[in-house]
Protein backbone atom coordinates (compact mmCIF):
# COMPACT_ATOMS: atom_id res chain seq x y z
CA MET A 1 31.69 34.78 85.45
CA SER A 2 27.87 34.78 85.40
CA GLN A 3 27.90 38.29 83.83
CA THR A 4 30.18 36.99 81.06
CA ILE A 5 27.85 34.05 80.40
CA GLY A 6 24.88 36.43 80.47
CA ARG A 7 26.51 38.73 77.91
CA ALA A 8 27.43 35.77 75.73
CA LEU A 9 23.82 34.52 75.81
CA GLU A 10 22.51 38.00 75.05
CA ASN A 11 24.87 38.31 72.05
CA GLN A 12 23.80 34.85 70.87
CA ASN A 13 20.13 35.87 71.12
CA LEU A 14 20.80 39.04 69.12
CA MET A 15 22.51 37.02 66.38
CA VAL A 16 19.65 34.49 66.27
CA ASN A 17 17.05 37.27 66.13
CA SER A 18 18.97 39.05 63.37
CA THR A 19 19.21 35.81 61.37
CA LEU A 20 15.48 35.14 61.83
CA GLU A 21 14.63 38.66 60.66
CA GLU A 22 16.81 38.16 57.57
CA ILE A 23 15.11 34.83 56.77
CA ILE A 24 11.66 36.37 57.18
CA GLU A 25 12.62 39.34 54.98
CA ARG A 26 13.87 37.05 52.21
CA ASN A 27 10.68 34.98 52.25
CA ILE A 28 8.15 37.82 52.10
CA HIS A 29 6.23 37.53 48.86
CA VAL A 30 6.15 40.73 46.81
CA GLY A 31 4.58 41.31 43.44
CA PHE A 32 1.76 42.60 41.28
CA THR A 33 0.11 42.37 37.89
CA ALA A 34 -1.38 45.50 36.37
CA PHE A 35 -3.14 46.43 33.13
CA GLY A 36 -3.90 49.70 31.41
CA ARG A 37 -7.38 51.21 31.30
CA SER A 38 -7.60 53.14 28.05
CA SER A 39 -5.99 53.49 24.67
CA GLY A 40 -4.30 56.36 22.89
CA HIS A 41 -1.54 57.77 20.73
CA ARG A 42 1.89 57.82 22.36
CA GLN A 43 5.06 59.62 21.32
CA PRO A 44 8.66 58.50 21.95
CA ALA A 45 9.90 58.62 25.58
CA HIS A 46 6.40 58.32 27.05
CA ILE A 47 6.21 56.32 30.30
CA LEU A 48 3.44 53.77 29.96
CA LYS A 49 1.00 53.55 32.85
CA PHE A 50 -0.69 50.41 34.16
CA PRO A 51 -3.23 51.69 36.73
CA ASP A 52 -5.55 48.67 36.84
CA ILE A 53 -4.00 46.44 39.53
CA LYS A 54 -5.38 42.91 39.04
CA SER A 55 -3.45 41.34 41.93
CA SER A 56 -0.80 42.42 44.39
CA PHE A 57 0.83 41.28 47.60
CA GLY A 58 3.49 42.59 49.96
CA LEU A 59 3.55 46.13 48.54
CA THR A 60 2.43 49.44 50.01
CA GLY A 61 3.52 51.95 47.34
CA LEU A 62 1.36 50.96 44.39
CA LEU A 63 -0.58 54.23 44.38
CA LYS A 64 2.49 56.02 42.97
CA PHE A 65 2.93 53.25 40.40
CA THR A 66 -0.68 53.46 39.20
CA SER A 67 -0.43 57.22 38.65
CA SER A 68 3.14 57.52 37.32
CA GLY A 69 3.92 54.11 35.80
CA GLU A 70 7.09 53.98 37.89
CA PHE A 71 7.58 51.04 40.28
CA THR A 72 9.74 51.81 43.33
CA CYS A 73 11.32 48.77 44.97
CA GLU A 74 10.37 48.37 48.64
CA ARG A 75 12.29 45.14 49.33
CA SER A 76 15.69 44.21 47.90
CA GLY A 77 15.97 40.97 45.97
CA ILE A 78 15.87 39.23 42.61
CA TYR A 79 12.84 40.21 40.52
CA LEU A 80 11.17 38.87 37.40
CA ILE A 81 9.64 41.61 35.25
CA SER A 82 7.26 40.77 32.42
CA VAL A 83 5.70 43.39 30.15
CA THR A 84 3.35 43.03 27.17
CA VAL A 85 2.34 46.02 25.07
CA MET A 86 -0.33 45.92 22.35
CA ALA A 87 0.13 48.67 19.77
CA CYS A 88 -0.52 49.74 16.19
CA ALA A 89 2.05 51.50 14.02
CA GLU A 90 2.14 53.08 10.58
CA SER A 91 5.30 52.16 8.65
CA THR A 92 7.65 52.66 11.59
CA ASP A 93 8.92 50.27 14.23
CA ALA A 94 6.92 50.31 17.44
CA THR A 95 9.29 49.49 20.31
CA TYR A 96 9.53 50.05 24.04
CA ASP A 97 12.24 49.85 26.69
CA ILE A 98 12.28 48.63 30.27
CA TYR A 99 14.26 51.03 32.46
CA LYS A 100 15.93 50.67 35.83
CA ASN A 101 16.99 53.92 37.52
CA ASN A 102 16.78 55.88 34.24
CA ILE A 103 18.93 53.37 32.32
CA SER A 104 17.42 51.32 29.50
CA LEU A 105 18.02 47.65 30.20
CA MET A 106 16.42 46.19 27.11
CA GLN A 107 14.44 47.28 24.06
CA TYR A 108 11.49 45.18 22.87
CA TYR A 109 9.91 45.10 19.43
CA ILE A 110 6.14 45.22 18.89
CA THR A 111 5.47 45.74 15.19
CA GLN A 112 6.49 47.72 12.09
CA SER A 113 3.05 48.27 10.63
CA GLY A 114 -0.39 47.18 11.63
CA CYS A 115 -1.34 46.00 15.11
CA ASN A 116 0.52 43.49 17.25
CA SER A 117 1.77 42.85 20.75
CA GLY A 118 5.33 42.60 21.98
CA SER A 119 6.44 40.99 25.22
CA GLY A 120 9.61 41.42 27.22
CA THR A 121 10.92 39.68 30.31
CA LEU A 122 13.82 40.62 32.58
CA PHE A 123 15.48 38.89 35.51
CA ILE A 124 17.09 41.60 37.64
CA ARG A 125 18.44 42.48 41.08
CA LEU A 126 16.70 45.44 42.71
CA THR A 127 17.54 47.26 45.92
CA VAL A 128 15.28 49.47 48.01
CA ASN A 129 14.29 52.66 46.12
CA ASP A 130 15.41 51.38 42.71
CA THR A 131 12.86 52.37 40.07
CA VAL A 132 11.56 50.36 37.12
CA TYR A 133 9.32 51.63 34.34
CA VAL A 134 8.36 51.06 30.70
CA LYS A 135 8.90 53.81 28.15
CA THR A 136 8.06 54.03 24.47
CA HIS A 137 11.26 54.05 22.44
CA SER A 138 10.00 54.85 19.00
CA SER A 139 6.83 56.55 17.90
CA ILE A 140 4.16 54.03 18.77
CA TYR A 141 1.14 55.00 16.76
CA TYR A 142 -1.56 53.74 19.11
CA VAL A 143 -1.31 51.81 22.40
CA TYR A 144 -4.11 49.52 23.56
CA TYR A 145 -3.62 49.75 27.31
CA ASN A 146 -6.43 47.36 28.17
CA TRP A 147 -4.51 44.63 26.32
CA SER A 148 -1.15 45.63 27.79
CA SER A 149 0.20 44.41 31.12
CA ASN A 150 3.08 44.74 33.54
CA SER A 151 3.95 42.12 36.17
CA ILE A 152 6.77 42.42 38.69
CA LEU A 153 7.51 39.56 41.10
CA LYS A 154 10.22 39.20 43.74
CA ILE A 155 11.48 35.63 43.40
CA ALA A 156 14.42 35.64 45.82
């Protein structure tokens, strides 16, 4: 009888510990804001890089992001992604896409001619090892990285 009670208490403790771990995991804050460092001409299908991390918390893999422009999710959850790109174009639409796992989720417009900035925001579910990145869609004549930013924040 006492062994049965002991096993029941042990199982109860395992369930409580598992629930506590799940609550802690859900409440870990994860996010960053990054800017570019330079400017330059970019062709279609170019992954934009944001190597200048202004703030970050709860992430360990930002070194890959700063060099490749590709964010790899470390903690599953609901994320808010906000990107602003400043660019100049000559008589062609300057646009960019936000990708998840090599699939374009949304295309954002910057300008047709002259210089302007375009912003895009996504609310998305990510799981561990999902990737998110920003890629030029059309021929963007000139990108001002130092006025372009990428913020990704886990909100739930």
